[in-house]
N, C-alpha and C. Protein backbone atom coordinates (compact mmCIF):
# COMPACT_ATOMS: atom_id res chain seq x y z
N MET A 1 -5.76 12.09 3.27
CA MET A 1 -6.68 11.12 3.83
C MET A 1 -6.14 10.65 5.18
N ASN A 2 -7.05 10.45 6.11
CA ASN A 2 -6.62 9.89 7.39
C ASN A 2 -6.77 8.36 7.35
N ALA A 3 -6.33 7.71 8.41
CA ALA A 3 -6.27 6.24 8.43
C ALA A 3 -7.65 5.61 8.30
N HIS A 4 -8.68 6.24 8.86
CA HIS A 4 -10.03 5.66 8.80
C HIS A 4 -10.64 5.78 7.40
N ASP A 5 -10.16 6.72 6.59
CA ASP A 5 -10.63 6.83 5.21
C ASP A 5 -9.95 5.81 4.30
N ILE A 6 -8.78 5.34 4.69
CA ILE A 6 -8.03 4.38 3.86
C ILE A 6 -8.48 2.95 4.13
N ILE A 7 -8.49 2.54 5.40
CA ILE A 7 -8.92 1.19 5.78
C ILE A 7 -10.43 1.24 5.98
N LEU A 8 -11.19 0.59 5.10
CA LEU A 8 -12.64 0.67 5.17
C LEU A 8 -13.24 -0.41 6.07
N ARG A 9 -12.79 -1.66 5.90
CA ARG A 9 -13.30 -2.74 6.74
C ARG A 9 -12.43 -3.97 6.54
N PRO A 10 -12.43 -4.89 7.52
CA PRO A 10 -11.69 -6.14 7.32
C PRO A 10 -12.48 -7.09 6.42
N VAL A 11 -11.77 -7.94 5.73
CA VAL A 11 -12.40 -8.96 4.89
C VAL A 11 -12.41 -10.25 5.70
N ILE A 12 -13.61 -10.74 6.02
CA ILE A 12 -13.77 -11.93 6.84
C ILE A 12 -14.25 -13.07 5.95
N THR A 13 -13.30 -13.86 5.45
CA THR A 13 -13.62 -15.04 4.67
C THR A 13 -12.80 -16.21 5.21
N GLU A 14 -13.11 -17.40 4.75
CA GLU A 14 -12.38 -18.57 5.22
C GLU A 14 -10.91 -18.49 4.81
N LYS A 15 -10.65 -18.02 3.61
CA LYS A 15 -9.26 -17.92 3.14
C LYS A 15 -8.49 -16.84 3.90
N SER A 16 -9.13 -15.70 4.16
CA SER A 16 -8.43 -14.64 4.87
C SER A 16 -8.19 -15.02 6.33
N MET A 17 -9.08 -15.80 6.91
CA MET A 17 -8.90 -16.23 8.30
C MET A 17 -7.77 -17.25 8.44
N SER A 18 -7.48 -18.00 7.38
CA SER A 18 -6.39 -18.98 7.45
C SER A 18 -5.03 -18.30 7.48
N GLY A 19 -4.93 -17.04 7.06
CA GLY A 19 -3.67 -16.32 7.07
C GLY A 19 -3.32 -15.69 8.39
N ILE A 20 -4.23 -15.71 9.36
CA ILE A 20 -3.98 -15.06 10.65
C ILE A 20 -2.82 -15.73 11.38
N ALA A 21 -2.66 -17.03 11.24
CA ALA A 21 -1.56 -17.73 11.90
C ALA A 21 -0.21 -17.24 11.40
N ASP A 22 -0.14 -16.79 10.15
CA ASP A 22 1.10 -16.27 9.57
C ASP A 22 1.21 -14.75 9.70
N LYS A 23 0.32 -14.14 10.49
CA LYS A 23 0.25 -12.68 10.67
C LYS A 23 0.00 -11.99 9.33
N THR A 24 -0.94 -12.51 8.57
CA THR A 24 -1.37 -11.93 7.30
C THR A 24 -2.84 -11.58 7.41
N TYR A 25 -3.17 -10.31 7.18
CA TYR A 25 -4.53 -9.81 7.37
C TYR A 25 -5.02 -9.16 6.08
N THR A 26 -6.33 -9.25 5.84
CA THR A 26 -6.92 -8.75 4.61
C THR A 26 -7.91 -7.64 4.93
N PHE A 27 -7.84 -6.53 4.17
CA PHE A 27 -8.71 -5.38 4.39
C PHE A 27 -9.28 -4.89 3.06
N LYS A 28 -10.48 -4.32 3.13
CA LYS A 28 -11.03 -3.56 2.02
C LYS A 28 -10.55 -2.13 2.20
N VAL A 29 -9.93 -1.56 1.16
CA VAL A 29 -9.33 -0.24 1.28
C VAL A 29 -9.89 0.69 0.21
N ALA A 30 -9.59 1.97 0.35
CA ALA A 30 -10.02 2.98 -0.62
C ALA A 30 -9.36 2.70 -1.96
N LYS A 31 -10.09 2.97 -3.04
CA LYS A 31 -9.59 2.65 -4.38
C LYS A 31 -8.34 3.44 -4.75
N ASN A 32 -8.21 4.66 -4.24
CA ASN A 32 -7.06 5.49 -4.62
C ASN A 32 -5.92 5.41 -3.62
N ALA A 33 -5.98 4.49 -2.65
CA ALA A 33 -4.92 4.34 -1.66
C ALA A 33 -3.74 3.58 -2.25
N THR A 34 -2.53 4.04 -1.92
CA THR A 34 -1.32 3.37 -2.38
C THR A 34 -0.85 2.40 -1.30
N LYS A 35 0.15 1.58 -1.64
CA LYS A 35 0.68 0.62 -0.67
C LYS A 35 1.30 1.34 0.53
N ILE A 36 1.95 2.46 0.29
CA ILE A 36 2.56 3.24 1.37
C ILE A 36 1.48 3.81 2.28
N ASP A 37 0.39 4.33 1.70
CA ASP A 37 -0.73 4.84 2.50
C ASP A 37 -1.33 3.74 3.37
N ILE A 38 -1.50 2.55 2.80
CA ILE A 38 -2.10 1.44 3.53
C ILE A 38 -1.18 1.00 4.67
N LYS A 39 0.11 0.95 4.43
CA LYS A 39 1.07 0.57 5.46
C LYS A 39 1.01 1.55 6.63
N ARG A 40 1.03 2.83 6.34
CA ARG A 40 0.98 3.85 7.41
C ARG A 40 -0.34 3.78 8.18
N ALA A 41 -1.44 3.54 7.48
CA ALA A 41 -2.75 3.50 8.13
C ALA A 41 -2.86 2.31 9.07
N VAL A 42 -2.39 1.12 8.65
CA VAL A 42 -2.46 -0.07 9.50
C VAL A 42 -1.56 0.11 10.72
N GLU A 43 -0.37 0.67 10.53
CA GLU A 43 0.53 0.89 11.66
C GLU A 43 -0.06 1.89 12.65
N GLU A 44 -0.74 2.92 12.14
CA GLU A 44 -1.35 3.93 13.01
C GLU A 44 -2.57 3.39 13.75
N LEU A 45 -3.43 2.66 13.06
CA LEU A 45 -4.68 2.19 13.67
C LEU A 45 -4.46 1.07 14.68
N PHE A 46 -3.59 0.12 14.36
CA PHE A 46 -3.46 -1.07 15.17
C PHE A 46 -2.17 -1.14 15.98
N GLY A 47 -1.22 -0.22 15.77
CA GLY A 47 0.02 -0.20 16.52
C GLY A 47 0.90 -1.40 16.26
N VAL A 48 1.03 -1.82 15.01
CA VAL A 48 1.84 -2.97 14.63
C VAL A 48 2.90 -2.52 13.64
N GLN A 49 3.83 -3.42 13.30
CA GLN A 49 4.87 -3.15 12.32
C GLN A 49 4.58 -3.96 11.06
N VAL A 50 4.38 -3.28 9.94
CA VAL A 50 4.01 -3.93 8.68
C VAL A 50 5.27 -4.28 7.90
N ASP A 51 5.34 -5.52 7.42
CA ASP A 51 6.46 -5.97 6.60
C ASP A 51 6.21 -5.64 5.14
N LYS A 52 5.06 -6.09 4.59
CA LYS A 52 4.76 -5.79 3.19
C LYS A 52 3.26 -5.73 2.98
N VAL A 53 2.88 -5.09 1.87
CA VAL A 53 1.48 -4.91 1.50
C VAL A 53 1.30 -5.35 0.05
N ASN A 54 0.35 -6.24 -0.19
CA ASN A 54 -0.03 -6.63 -1.55
C ASN A 54 -1.44 -6.11 -1.81
N THR A 55 -1.66 -5.52 -2.98
CA THR A 55 -2.98 -4.99 -3.30
C THR A 55 -3.49 -5.61 -4.59
N LEU A 56 -4.81 -5.65 -4.72
CA LEU A 56 -5.43 -6.11 -5.95
C LEU A 56 -6.80 -5.48 -6.09
N HIS A 57 -7.22 -5.28 -7.32
CA HIS A 57 -8.53 -4.75 -7.62
C HIS A 57 -9.49 -5.91 -7.84
N VAL A 58 -10.61 -5.89 -7.14
CA VAL A 58 -11.62 -6.94 -7.25
C VAL A 58 -12.72 -6.42 -8.16
N ARG A 59 -12.96 -7.11 -9.25
CA ARG A 59 -14.01 -6.69 -10.17
C ARG A 59 -15.37 -7.02 -9.62
N GLY A 60 -16.36 -6.23 -10.00
CA GLY A 60 -17.73 -6.51 -9.58
C GLY A 60 -18.28 -7.74 -10.28
N HIS A 61 -19.13 -8.48 -9.57
CA HIS A 61 -19.74 -9.68 -10.14
C HIS A 61 -21.07 -9.35 -10.79
N MET A 62 -21.42 -10.09 -11.83
CA MET A 62 -22.71 -9.89 -12.48
C MET A 62 -23.81 -10.50 -11.61
N ARG A 63 -24.86 -9.76 -11.40
CA ARG A 63 -25.99 -10.23 -10.61
C ARG A 63 -27.27 -9.96 -11.40
N ARG A 64 -28.24 -10.88 -11.23
CA ARG A 64 -29.53 -10.73 -11.90
C ARG A 64 -30.63 -10.60 -10.86
N GLN A 65 -31.58 -9.76 -11.15
CA GLN A 65 -32.79 -9.61 -10.34
C GLN A 65 -33.95 -9.72 -11.32
N GLY A 66 -34.41 -10.95 -11.53
CA GLY A 66 -35.44 -11.16 -12.54
C GLY A 66 -34.83 -10.99 -13.92
N ARG A 67 -35.38 -10.07 -14.71
CA ARG A 67 -34.84 -9.84 -16.04
C ARG A 67 -33.79 -8.73 -16.07
N ASN A 68 -33.59 -8.04 -14.96
CA ASN A 68 -32.61 -6.97 -14.88
C ASN A 68 -31.23 -7.55 -14.56
N VAL A 69 -30.23 -7.03 -15.27
CA VAL A 69 -28.86 -7.49 -15.09
C VAL A 69 -28.02 -6.30 -14.68
N GLY A 70 -27.15 -6.50 -13.71
CA GLY A 70 -26.26 -5.44 -13.27
C GLY A 70 -25.01 -6.02 -12.64
N TYR A 71 -24.13 -5.15 -12.21
CA TYR A 71 -22.87 -5.56 -11.60
C TYR A 71 -22.77 -4.97 -10.20
N THR A 72 -22.18 -5.76 -9.29
CA THR A 72 -21.87 -5.23 -7.97
C THR A 72 -20.67 -4.29 -8.11
N PRO A 73 -20.46 -3.38 -7.18
CA PRO A 73 -19.35 -2.44 -7.32
C PRO A 73 -17.99 -3.12 -7.23
N SER A 74 -17.02 -2.59 -7.97
CA SER A 74 -15.65 -3.07 -7.85
C SER A 74 -15.00 -2.40 -6.65
N TRP A 75 -13.96 -3.05 -6.09
CA TRP A 75 -13.30 -2.50 -4.90
C TRP A 75 -11.86 -2.96 -4.85
N LYS A 76 -11.10 -2.41 -3.91
CA LYS A 76 -9.68 -2.71 -3.80
C LYS A 76 -9.43 -3.47 -2.50
N LYS A 77 -8.62 -4.52 -2.60
CA LYS A 77 -8.30 -5.37 -1.45
C LYS A 77 -6.81 -5.27 -1.16
N ALA A 78 -6.46 -5.24 0.13
CA ALA A 78 -5.06 -5.20 0.55
C ALA A 78 -4.79 -6.37 1.48
N VAL A 79 -3.72 -7.10 1.20
CA VAL A 79 -3.27 -8.19 2.06
C VAL A 79 -2.01 -7.69 2.75
N VAL A 80 -2.08 -7.54 4.07
CA VAL A 80 -1.01 -6.93 4.86
C VAL A 80 -0.30 -8.02 5.65
N SER A 81 1.02 -8.11 5.49
CA SER A 81 1.84 -9.06 6.25
C SER A 81 2.62 -8.29 7.30
N LEU A 82 2.59 -8.79 8.55
CA LEU A 82 3.29 -8.13 9.64
C LEU A 82 4.67 -8.75 9.82
N LYS A 83 5.56 -7.99 10.47
CA LYS A 83 6.89 -8.50 10.77
C LYS A 83 6.80 -9.58 11.84
N GLU A 84 7.81 -10.45 11.89
CA GLU A 84 7.81 -11.58 12.83
C GLU A 84 7.78 -11.12 14.28
N ASP A 85 8.50 -10.04 14.60
CA ASP A 85 8.56 -9.58 15.99
C ASP A 85 7.42 -8.64 16.35
N SER A 86 6.51 -8.37 15.43
CA SER A 86 5.38 -7.49 15.69
C SER A 86 4.28 -8.24 16.43
N LYS A 87 3.50 -7.50 17.22
CA LYS A 87 2.35 -8.13 17.87
C LYS A 87 1.24 -8.34 16.86
N SER A 88 0.29 -9.20 17.16
CA SER A 88 -0.81 -9.46 16.23
C SER A 88 -1.92 -8.43 16.45
N ILE A 89 -2.85 -8.37 15.51
CA ILE A 89 -3.98 -7.45 15.61
C ILE A 89 -5.06 -8.10 16.47
N GLU A 90 -5.43 -7.43 17.55
CA GLU A 90 -6.35 -8.01 18.53
C GLU A 90 -7.75 -8.24 17.97
N PHE A 91 -8.17 -7.43 17.01
CA PHE A 91 -9.51 -7.54 16.44
C PHE A 91 -9.75 -8.93 15.86
N PHE A 92 -8.74 -9.49 15.20
CA PHE A 92 -8.88 -10.78 14.54
C PHE A 92 -8.71 -11.96 15.49
N GLU A 93 -8.12 -11.75 16.65
CA GLU A 93 -7.83 -12.86 17.57
C GLU A 93 -9.10 -13.50 18.10
N GLY A 94 -10.16 -12.74 18.30
CA GLY A 94 -11.40 -13.30 18.82
C GLY A 94 -12.18 -14.12 17.81
N MET A 95 -11.78 -14.11 16.56
CA MET A 95 -12.53 -14.80 15.50
C MET A 95 -12.02 -16.20 15.25
N LEU A 96 -10.92 -16.59 15.86
CA LEU A 96 -10.36 -17.91 15.59
C LEU A 96 -11.12 -18.96 16.27
């Protein structure tokens, strides 16, 4: 897999935006990606130095449409912490 197949999109929420000051960024990643794959992909795409990667599986939520009941898809989330001497990711800087 290449880096664009691993990192799918950034997660833009109030909680994830509060971590930008600590150089902590949140991404939606491929379900079969490992922490090592995610670290290499972030370093390749954004040119930064990654300190650690935390991952978690997000379960789908139950949703109703009238009498029909279903679940949204489950997905994998990665919280990436950068090293102190690393530069920040420019994509997130404009959102503050």
